[in-house]
Protein backbone atom coordinates (compact mmCIF):
# COMPACT_ATOMS: atom_id res chain seq x y z
CA MET A 1 -31.76 -36.77 181.53
CA ARG A 2 -33.84 -39.92 181.80
CA VAL A 3 -33.64 -43.12 184.09
CA ASP A 4 -32.68 -45.15 181.33
CA GLU A 5 -30.59 -42.56 179.45
CA ILE A 6 -28.24 -42.74 182.40
CA ALA A 7 -27.90 -46.27 182.84
CA ASP A 8 -27.07 -46.45 178.98
CA GLN A 9 -24.72 -43.56 179.44
CA ARG A 10 -23.40 -46.05 182.76
CA GLU A 11 -22.82 -49.37 180.40
CA ASN A 12 -21.32 -47.22 177.68
CA GLN A 13 -18.30 -46.33 180.31
CA ARG A 14 -18.57 -49.20 181.97
CA GLU A 15 -17.77 -50.62 178.02
CA ASP A 16 -14.91 -47.72 177.76
CA ARG A 17 -13.00 -48.95 180.51
CA ARG A 18 -13.31 -52.57 179.79
CA ALA A 19 -11.35 -51.54 176.53
CA GLY A 20 -8.90 -49.34 178.08
CA GLU A 21 -7.92 -52.53 180.32
CA GLY A 22 -7.60 -54.58 177.48
CA ALA A 23 -5.69 -52.23 175.61
CA PRO A 24 -2.38 -53.46 174.49
CA ALA A 25 0.49 -52.77 176.97
CA ASN A 26 2.92 -50.79 175.17
CA GLY A 27 3.39 -47.33 174.76
CA THR A 28 3.47 -45.04 177.85
CA GLN A 29 0.21 -43.91 179.95
CA ALA A 30 -0.16 -40.90 177.52
CA ASP A 31 -0.80 -43.67 175.02
CA ARG A 32 -3.13 -45.67 176.87
CA VAL A 33 -5.51 -42.53 178.08
CA VAL A 34 -5.82 -41.06 174.14
CA ARG A 35 -6.42 -44.62 172.78
CA GLN A 36 -9.02 -45.36 174.73
CA ALA A 37 -10.43 -42.21 174.05
CA ALA A 38 -10.07 -42.90 170.24
CA GLU A 39 -11.46 -46.47 170.74
CA SER A 40 -14.96 -45.25 172.69
CA ALA A 41 -14.96 -42.43 169.91
CA HIS A 42 -15.02 -44.99 167.07
CA ARG A 43 -17.61 -46.88 168.47
CA ALA A 44 -19.92 -44.00 168.20
CA ALA A 45 -19.12 -42.73 165.07
CA GLY A 46 -20.49 -45.35 163.01
CA SER A 47 -24.06 -44.64 164.74
CA LEU A 48 -23.42 -41.06 163.09
CA ALA A 49 -24.36 -42.35 159.13
CA ALA A 50 -27.63 -42.55 159.74
CA VAL A 51 -28.68 -39.93 161.91
CA PRO A 52 -31.03 -36.99 160.12
CA ALA A 53 -29.19 -33.89 159.15
CA GLY A 54 -31.89 -32.24 160.93
CA ALA A 55 -30.95 -34.01 164.40
CA LEU A 56 -27.71 -33.03 163.89
CA ASP A 57 -28.24 -29.27 163.45
CA ASP A 58 -30.97 -29.71 166.75
CA ALA A 59 -27.55 -30.85 168.33
CA LEU A 60 -26.11 -27.69 167.81
CA ARG A 61 -28.90 -25.60 168.25
CA ALA A 62 -28.86 -27.34 171.86
CA MET A 63 -25.15 -26.41 172.46
CA ALA A 64 -26.16 -22.52 171.44
CA HIS A 65 -28.78 -22.78 174.24
CA LEU A 66 -26.97 -24.44 176.88
CA LEU A 67 -24.13 -22.09 176.51
CA ARG A 68 -26.34 -19.49 177.16
CA GLU A 69 -28.34 -21.58 179.91
CA ASN A 70 -24.62 -23.21 181.54
CA ALA A 71 -22.99 -19.54 181.25
CA SER A 72 -22.34 -19.87 185.10
CA PHE A 73 -20.81 -23.25 185.36
CA VAL A 74 -18.54 -22.43 182.17
CA ARG A 75 -17.77 -19.16 183.36
CA ALA A 76 -16.95 -20.29 187.18
CA ALA A 77 -14.43 -22.80 185.70
CA ASN A 78 -12.77 -20.79 183.07
CA GLU A 79 -12.08 -17.64 185.83
CA HIS A 80 -10.46 -20.79 187.96
CA ASP A 81 -8.65 -21.24 184.74
CA VAL A 82 -7.85 -17.42 184.13
CA SER A 83 -6.74 -16.68 187.82
CA ALA A 84 -4.47 -19.59 187.98
CA ALA A 85 -2.64 -18.71 184.40
CA ARG A 86 -2.28 -14.82 185.82
CA THR A 87 -0.93 -16.21 189.16
CA ALA A 88 1.72 -18.27 186.77
CA GLY A 89 2.70 -15.11 184.43
CA MET A 90 0.61 -15.64 181.05
CA SER A 91 0.70 -12.54 179.14
CA GLY A 92 -2.31 -10.31 178.57
CA ALA A 93 -2.60 -11.03 174.94
CA LEU A 94 -2.87 -14.75 176.05
CA LEU A 95 -5.33 -14.52 179.13
CA ASP A 96 -7.60 -12.82 176.07
CA ARG A 97 -7.46 -15.76 174.43
CA LEU A 98 -8.10 -18.04 177.39
CA ARG A 99 -10.85 -15.69 179.12
CA LEU A 100 -14.72 -16.29 178.28
CA SER A 101 -16.39 -13.42 178.63
CA GLU A 102 -20.21 -13.06 178.69
CA GLN A 103 -20.15 -11.28 174.98
CA ARG A 104 -17.32 -14.32 173.94
CA LEU A 105 -19.83 -17.09 175.34
CA ASP A 106 -23.06 -15.33 173.18
CA SER A 107 -20.74 -15.17 170.26
CA MET A 108 -19.98 -18.56 170.20
CA ALA A 109 -23.71 -19.08 170.52
CA ARG A 110 -24.51 -17.29 167.66
CA GLN A 111 -22.02 -18.78 165.82
CA LEU A 112 -23.50 -22.23 166.78
CA PHE A 113 -26.53 -21.19 165.54
CA SER A 114 -25.25 -20.08 162.06
CA LEU A 115 -23.78 -23.60 161.50
CA ALA A 116 -26.81 -25.02 162.22
CA ALA A 117 -28.72 -23.11 159.64
CA ALA A 118 -25.74 -23.52 157.00
CA PRO A 119 -26.42 -26.19 154.17
CA SER A 120 -24.71 -29.18 154.21
CA PRO A 121 -22.67 -29.78 151.10
CA PRO A 122 -24.34 -32.74 149.33
CA ALA A 123 -23.58 -36.03 149.73
CA ARG A 124 -23.31 -37.42 145.97
CA SER A 125 -22.04 -35.39 142.91
CA ARG A 126 -22.46 -36.17 139.49
CA ILE A 127 -19.21 -35.75 137.87
CA ARG A 128 -19.65 -36.53 134.00
CA ASP A 129 -20.84 -39.49 131.70
CA LEU A 130 -18.04 -42.42 130.88
CA PRO A 131 -18.41 -44.38 127.68
CA GLY A 132 -20.44 -47.94 128.13
CA GLY A 133 -23.44 -46.26 129.45
CA LEU A 134 -21.27 -45.43 132.72
CA VAL A 135 -21.47 -42.45 135.43
CA LEU A 136 -18.06 -40.53 137.79
CA GLU A 137 -19.77 -39.80 141.17
CA GLU A 138 -18.35 -38.14 143.54
CA HIS A 139 -19.28 -38.94 147.11
CA ARG A 140 -18.40 -37.02 150.36
CA ARG A 141 -17.48 -39.47 153.16
CA PRO A 142 -16.51 -38.54 156.70
CA VAL A 143 -13.22 -39.62 157.96
CA GLY A 144 -14.51 -41.00 160.72
CA VAL A 145 -12.72 -40.16 164.08
CA ILE A 146 -10.39 -36.56 163.70
CA GLY A 147 -8.02 -35.43 166.49
CA ALA A 148 -7.82 -31.78 167.77
CA ASN A 149 -5.21 -30.07 169.75
CA PHE A 150 -5.09 -26.70 170.83
CA GLU A 151 -3.68 -23.95 173.26
CA ALA A 152 -5.23 -21.78 175.25
CA ARG A 153 -8.75 -21.19 173.44
CA PRO A 154 -11.29 -22.78 175.35
CA ASN A 155 -13.34 -21.73 172.82
CA VAL A 156 -12.23 -23.74 170.22
CA VAL A 157 -13.41 -26.75 171.98
CA VAL A 158 -17.05 -26.02 170.57
CA ASP A 159 -16.06 -24.70 167.53
CA ILE A 160 -14.47 -27.89 166.93
CA ALA A 161 -16.76 -30.25 168.60
CA SER A 162 -19.59 -28.60 166.00
CA GLN A 163 -17.89 -29.07 163.14
CA PHE A 164 -16.77 -32.77 163.70
CA ILE A 165 -20.60 -33.32 164.55
CA LYS A 166 -22.15 -31.23 161.59
CA SER A 167 -19.39 -33.35 159.11
CA ARG A 168 -20.71 -36.38 160.66
CA ASN A 169 -17.23 -36.89 162.41
CA ALA A 170 -16.51 -38.41 165.93
CA GLY A 171 -13.67 -36.51 167.87
CA VAL A 172 -10.74 -36.63 170.24
CA LEU A 173 -10.20 -32.99 171.58
CA ARG A 174 -6.80 -32.50 174.18
CA THR A 175 -6.13 -28.73 175.04
CA GLY A 176 -3.54 -26.55 177.03
CA SER A 177 -2.98 -26.85 180.86
CA SER A 178 -4.31 -23.35 181.69
CA ALA A 179 -7.48 -23.92 179.74
CA LEU A 180 -8.47 -27.50 180.58
CA ARG A 181 -11.21 -26.66 183.57
CA SER A 182 -13.15 -24.28 181.02
CA ALA A 183 -12.94 -27.41 178.12
CA ILE A 184 -14.14 -29.57 180.95
CA SER A 185 -16.94 -27.82 181.76
CA LEU A 186 -17.70 -26.95 178.04
CA ALA A 187 -17.97 -30.60 177.60
CA ASP A 188 -19.88 -31.31 180.45
CA HIS A 189 -22.36 -28.77 180.54
CA VAL A 190 -22.93 -28.06 177.09
CA ILE A 191 -21.56 -30.47 174.29
CA THR A 192 -22.39 -33.95 176.11
CA PRO A 193 -25.99 -32.92 177.55
CA ALA A 194 -26.66 -31.49 173.57
CA LEU A 195 -25.92 -34.62 171.91
CA TRP A 196 -28.09 -36.66 174.88
CA GLY A 197 -31.03 -34.11 173.83
CA ALA A 198 -30.92 -34.51 170.13
CA GLY A 199 -30.42 -38.45 170.41
CA LEU A 200 -27.29 -39.04 169.26
CA ASP A 201 -24.44 -40.95 171.65
CA PRO A 202 -22.17 -38.81 173.49
CA ARG A 203 -19.44 -40.46 173.28
CA LEU A 204 -18.93 -38.80 169.68
CA ILE A 205 -16.89 -36.00 171.10
CA GLN A 206 -13.97 -36.89 173.82
CA VAL A 207 -12.35 -34.61 175.57
CA ILE A 208 -8.75 -35.38 177.14
CA ARG A 209 -9.02 -34.85 180.93
CA GLU A 210 -5.47 -35.44 181.98
CA PRO A 211 -2.70 -32.60 181.42
CA GLY A 212 0.31 -32.56 180.12
CA HIS A 213 2.28 -32.10 176.35
CA GLU A 214 2.78 -35.51 176.31
CA MET A 215 -1.15 -36.33 175.63
CA ALA A 216 -0.44 -34.00 172.82
CA GLU A 217 2.13 -36.11 171.77
CA ALA A 218 0.41 -38.98 171.64
CA LEU A 219 -2.55 -37.51 170.21
CA VAL A 220 -0.59 -37.66 166.45
CA ARG A 221 0.73 -41.30 167.27
CA GLN A 222 -2.76 -43.05 166.49
CA PRO A 223 -3.14 -43.37 162.97
CA ALA A 224 -5.15 -46.09 162.78
CA LEU A 225 -7.59 -44.45 165.29
CA LEU A 226 -6.99 -41.03 164.54
CA PRO A 227 -5.64 -40.76 161.05
CA LEU A 228 -6.07 -36.44 160.90
CA VAL A 229 -5.09 -34.29 163.45
CA ILE A 230 -6.13 -30.78 163.75
CA VAL A 231 -3.47 -28.66 165.23
CA ARG A 232 -3.67 -25.09 166.18
CA GLY A 233 -0.83 -22.93 168.64
CA SER A 234 2.52 -21.52 168.83
CA GLY A 235 4.69 -22.43 165.96
CA ALA A 236 7.35 -24.63 167.92
CA SER A 237 4.92 -26.84 169.98
CA THR A 238 2.56 -26.97 166.66
CA ARG A 239 5.61 -27.61 164.01
CA SER A 240 6.63 -30.34 166.69
CA LEU A 241 3.46 -32.15 166.78
CA ALA A 242 3.01 -31.80 162.90
CA ALA A 243 6.73 -33.56 162.90
CA GLU A 244 5.85 -36.57 165.73
CA GLY A 245 2.51 -37.43 163.44
CA ALA A 246 4.24 -37.16 160.27
CA ARG A 247 6.92 -39.93 161.20
CA HIS A 248 3.82 -42.37 162.61
CA GLY A 249 1.88 -41.59 159.67
CA VAL A 250 -0.64 -39.18 161.17
CA ARG A 251 -2.04 -36.27 158.71
CA ILE A 252 -1.53 -33.56 160.63
CA LEU A 253 -3.64 -29.87 159.28
CA ALA A 254 -1.48 -27.79 161.29
CA HIS A 255 -1.87 -23.84 162.19
CA ALA A 256 1.54 -23.56 163.43
CA ASP A 257 2.67 -19.66 162.34
CA GLY A 258 0.33 -16.16 161.88
CA GLY A 259 1.25 -12.97 161.84
CA ALA A 260 -0.54 -10.33 159.03
CA VAL A 261 1.46 -7.81 156.71
CA ILE A 262 -0.01 -4.59 155.59
CA TYR A 263 1.86 -2.91 152.72
CA VAL A 264 0.86 1.05 152.25
CA ASP A 265 1.16 2.14 148.85
CA ASP A 266 2.53 5.81 147.63
CA SER A 267 -1.49 6.07 146.37
CA ALA A 268 -3.13 5.13 150.03
CA SER A 269 -5.76 7.31 151.73
CA PRO A 270 -4.12 8.32 154.83
CA GLU A 271 -7.74 8.21 156.20
CA MET A 272 -8.21 4.80 155.26
CA VAL A 273 -4.57 3.82 156.32
CA SER A 274 -5.48 4.77 159.89
CA ALA A 275 -8.82 2.85 159.79
CA ILE A 276 -7.39 -0.30 158.32
CA ILE A 277 -4.09 -0.19 160.71
CA GLU A 278 -6.41 0.36 163.94
CA ALA A 279 -8.85 -2.68 162.88
CA SER A 280 -5.54 -4.82 162.61
CA LEU A 281 -4.84 -4.40 165.95
CA ASP A 282 -8.35 -5.04 167.59
CA ARG A 283 -6.92 -7.99 169.25
CA LEU A 284 -3.19 -8.57 169.87
CA GLY A 285 -3.13 -12.49 170.98
CA VAL A 286 -4.82 -13.81 167.24
CA CYS A 287 -2.70 -14.91 164.27
CA ASN A 288 -4.39 -12.54 161.78
CA ARG A 289 -3.45 -9.11 163.57
CA LEU A 290 -0.92 -6.36 162.01
CA ASN A 291 2.22 -8.11 162.45
CA LEU A 292 4.65 -6.31 159.70
CA LEU A 293 3.76 -3.31 158.03
CA LEU A 294 5.70 -2.07 154.91
CA ILE A 295 5.50 1.37 153.78
CA LYS A 296 6.39 2.84 150.22
CA ASP A 297 10.16 3.92 150.45
CA THR A 298 9.40 7.08 148.53
CA ILE A 299 6.65 8.44 151.40
CA TRP A 300 8.24 6.83 154.69
CA PRO A 301 9.51 10.55 155.26
CA ASP A 302 6.42 11.95 155.33
CA THR A 303 4.09 8.70 156.68
CA ILE A 304 6.59 7.06 159.51
CA THR A 305 5.60 10.27 162.02
CA GLY A 306 1.93 10.01 161.51
CA ILE A 307 1.90 6.20 162.04
CA GLN A 308 4.16 5.74 165.26
CA ALA A 309 1.73 8.36 166.77
CA LEU A 310 -1.14 6.35 165.67
CA LEU A 311 0.59 2.69 167.28
CA GLY A 312 1.23 5.27 170.18
CA ARG A 313 -2.39 5.83 170.52
CA LEU A 314 -2.98 2.53 170.32
CA GLY A 315 -0.68 1.13 172.61
CA VAL A 316 1.90 -0.93 170.59
CA THR A 317 5.42 0.01 170.39
CA PRO A 318 6.68 -0.06 166.59
CA SER A 319 10.20 -1.91 165.50
CA LEU A 320 11.48 0.51 163.32
CA PRO A 321 14.67 0.13 160.79
CA PRO A 322 17.63 -1.21 161.33
CA HIS A 323 15.80 -4.44 163.06
CA SER A 324 17.96 -6.93 165.30
CA HIS A 325 15.40 -9.68 164.62
CA ALA A 326 13.56 -11.23 161.45
CA LEU A 327 10.99 -8.83 159.75
CA GLY A 328 8.41 -11.65 160.24
CA ARG A 329 9.05 -12.14 163.81
CA GLU A 330 5.48 -12.84 165.33
CA TRP A 331 4.76 -10.49 167.89
CA ALA A 332 1.60 -12.23 169.17
CA LEU A 333 3.91 -14.99 170.66
CA GLU A 334 6.31 -13.25 172.21
CA PRO A 335 4.97 -13.02 176.07
CA GLY A 336 5.57 -9.19 176.97
CA ARG A 337 5.89 -7.87 173.63
CA GLU A 338 2.85 -8.90 172.50
CA ALA A 339 2.21 -5.11 171.56
CA THR A 340 5.05 -4.45 168.78
CA VAL A 341 4.63 -3.94 165.36
CA THR A 342 7.45 -4.47 162.67
CA ILE A 343 8.18 -1.59 160.23
CA SER A 344 9.91 -1.41 157.40
CA PRO A 345 10.18 0.42 153.86
CA ALA A 346 9.43 -1.38 150.63
CA ARG A 347 10.37 -0.24 146.98
CA GLY A 348 7.22 -0.46 145.89
CA PRO A 349 4.26 -3.40 145.52
CA ALA A 350 6.09 -6.22 143.88
CA ASP A 351 9.06 -5.84 146.61
CA ALA A 352 6.53 -5.75 149.37
CA ALA A 353 4.98 -8.67 148.34
CA ARG A 354 8.82 -10.49 147.46
CA ILE A 355 9.12 -9.20 151.24
CA ALA A 356 5.73 -10.98 152.59
CA ASN A 357 6.52 -14.19 150.48
CA ALA A 358 9.91 -14.69 151.87
CA GLU A 359 9.67 -13.28 155.60
CA THR A 360 6.18 -14.32 156.74
CA SER A 361 4.38 -17.48 157.14
CA GLY A 362 2.06 -16.39 154.41
CA LEU A 363 -0.89 -16.29 156.56
CA ALA A 364 -2.89 -13.08 155.37
CA ALA A 365 -1.40 -9.29 153.37
CA ALA A 366 -3.28 -6.67 152.58
CA VAL A 367 -2.77 -3.68 150.24
CA ILE A 368 -3.66 -0.35 150.97
CA ALA A 369 -3.85 1.63 147.88
CA GLU A 370 -6.24 4.23 145.93
CA ASP A 371 -3.87 2.83 142.69
CA GLU A 372 -5.47 -0.09 140.87
CA ALA A 373 -2.75 -1.10 138.93
CA ALA A 374 -0.63 -1.21 141.97
CA ALA A 375 -3.10 -3.11 144.46
CA ALA A 376 -3.03 -5.27 141.24
CA GLU A 377 0.24 -6.03 141.21
CA PHE A 378 0.98 -6.69 144.86
CA MET A 379 -1.91 -9.12 144.84
CA SER A 380 -0.85 -10.93 141.93
CA ARG A 381 2.54 -11.69 143.29
CA TYR A 382 1.27 -12.38 147.17
CA SER A 383 1.17 -16.51 147.58
CA GLY A 384 -0.08 -16.75 151.12
CA THR A 385 -3.57 -18.21 152.30
CA GLY A 386 -5.60 -14.57 152.18
CA VAL A 387 -5.34 -11.42 150.09
CA PHE A 388 -7.26 -8.25 150.78
CA HIS A 389 -7.46 -4.66 149.20
CA ASN A 390 -8.20 -2.08 151.46
CA ALA A 391 -9.82 -4.29 154.06
CA THR A 392 -8.09 -5.42 157.07
CA PRO A 393 -6.64 -8.99 157.48
CA ARG A 394 -8.14 -9.66 160.52
CA LEU A 395 -10.78 -10.66 158.03
CA LEU A 396 -9.36 -13.88 157.64
CA ASP A 397 -11.60 -16.18 159.49
CA GLY A 398 -14.08 -18.63 158.89
CA PHE A 399 -17.09 -16.86 160.28
CA LYS A 400 -15.96 -13.26 159.34
CA LEU A 401 -15.73 -14.38 155.59
CA PHE A 402 -17.91 -17.92 155.33
CA ALA A 403 -20.32 -16.88 158.23
CA LEU A 404 -19.07 -20.71 159.77
CA PRO A 405 -17.37 -21.45 162.63
CA GLU A 406 -13.41 -22.59 162.20
CA THR A 407 -11.65 -25.28 162.86
CA GLY A 408 -7.97 -23.09 162.52
CA ILE A 409 -6.40 -22.03 159.47
CA ASN A 410 -4.29 -24.08 156.87
CA ILE A 411 -1.53 -22.52 155.27
CA ASP A 412 0.18 -25.34 153.55
CA ARG A 413 1.93 -24.38 150.17
CA VAL A 414 0.26 -28.03 148.62
CA PRO A 415 -3.21 -28.76 147.45
CA GLY A 416 -5.63 -29.67 150.06
CA PRO A 417 -8.13 -26.99 152.26
CA ARG A 418 -6.37 -23.79 152.48
CA GLY A 419 -7.37 -21.27 154.41
CA PRO A 420 -10.16 -21.18 157.37
CA VAL A 421 -11.18 -25.08 157.32
CA THR A 422 -15.10 -25.43 158.53
CA PHE A 423 -16.79 -28.52 158.49
CA GLY A 424 -17.56 -28.61 154.68
CA ASP A 425 -13.47 -29.70 154.48
CA LEU A 426 -13.61 -32.48 156.83
CA TYR A 427 -14.47 -35.06 154.69
CA LEU A 428 -12.80 -38.05 152.07
CA ARG A 429 -13.66 -37.54 148.67
CA GLN A 430 -14.67 -41.41 147.01
CA LEU A 431 -14.96 -41.66 143.53
CA VAL A 432 -17.53 -44.15 142.45
CA VAL A 433 -18.26 -45.30 138.75
CA ARG A 434 -21.69 -46.94 138.19
CA PRO A 435 -24.53 -47.65 135.69
CA ALA A 436 -25.94 -44.34 134.82
CA PRO A 437 -29.48 -44.28 136.09
């Protein structure tokens, strides 16, 4: 970083401190911390309008290079987080989310290169001609500043920051205390220097550096500064933040609940059943892993023993009928019991889809069947976000489906971006009527 750039950065920091000192006295300390970060991001956000797309992509490629060049700093901070979390009794599945291995950092870098190479949607689209020599256009406009809250997944810091930059939005990011050192290291050693190097204002991406859940609550109480907040995490916590945001007029894109379903039809190939179940349990702490396995009742007696043996080889415990819990209980959120799959019979594809719709979050479901009619019946009746035929529901992922990082998976049952949310979804639609050219 050049001397003049350092001077500019210090002046920006002084400006931000003065803004924070002049902020209204009302609200909690957390409100003031988040408000100062959001105001700083707002000052930088306007600069993105005139930035060539190539400069935005240069910043993403710089992040990818810096992830590799500064991996030792990032991993040292992450190892501190992992050690502290293990001492505090964090479960193995959640530790897996928290850990930034060399392979995971390399995967993050590759995703950044892919995002940089992805074409941006057109800023303007012609919809139709109107009477009187007029034309209707749709213009894509950035939101401005977007908030994001997520738990112990430090890779999400880079995923979300990169998508905000690609979509010409600034952002305020907050993560759980267990991942805070990792998040700060990624901001200081990867994101900020990449923005500087590409000629962008480093204040575009703000990371809340103070721990405590009150920071998350403050993030969803700033409608004028943060009209949209992306929330990822455990069900109860995320639902609570969504409700708090709604009370304050903040739009929440919430990824609260997960748990994938697989229905095994009587026409399923045993070899495919084994392969898809195994592929769906490669990681136990993720939302789109197998959570509920439904088996056609007519093949239950001949199938259940083999499936139990398969799960045993994978180190997974089956929860068999009669169940003392809801069928859709999400095992990934159960510390110490993540290695569990609920198994239940279903009368056929229609009944399996009914169970999946009624008992689970609606994240994802798969049907394993050679009978095309049975598969079509299940897929037509299942109303969730993603449905798969003879494929693992682990494919419900932004990078696996679109070759793009995701901010999260939206499972809302209302119009809007549904499924993996990527940079192309982070915009406002503006309808423009003007004389036809």
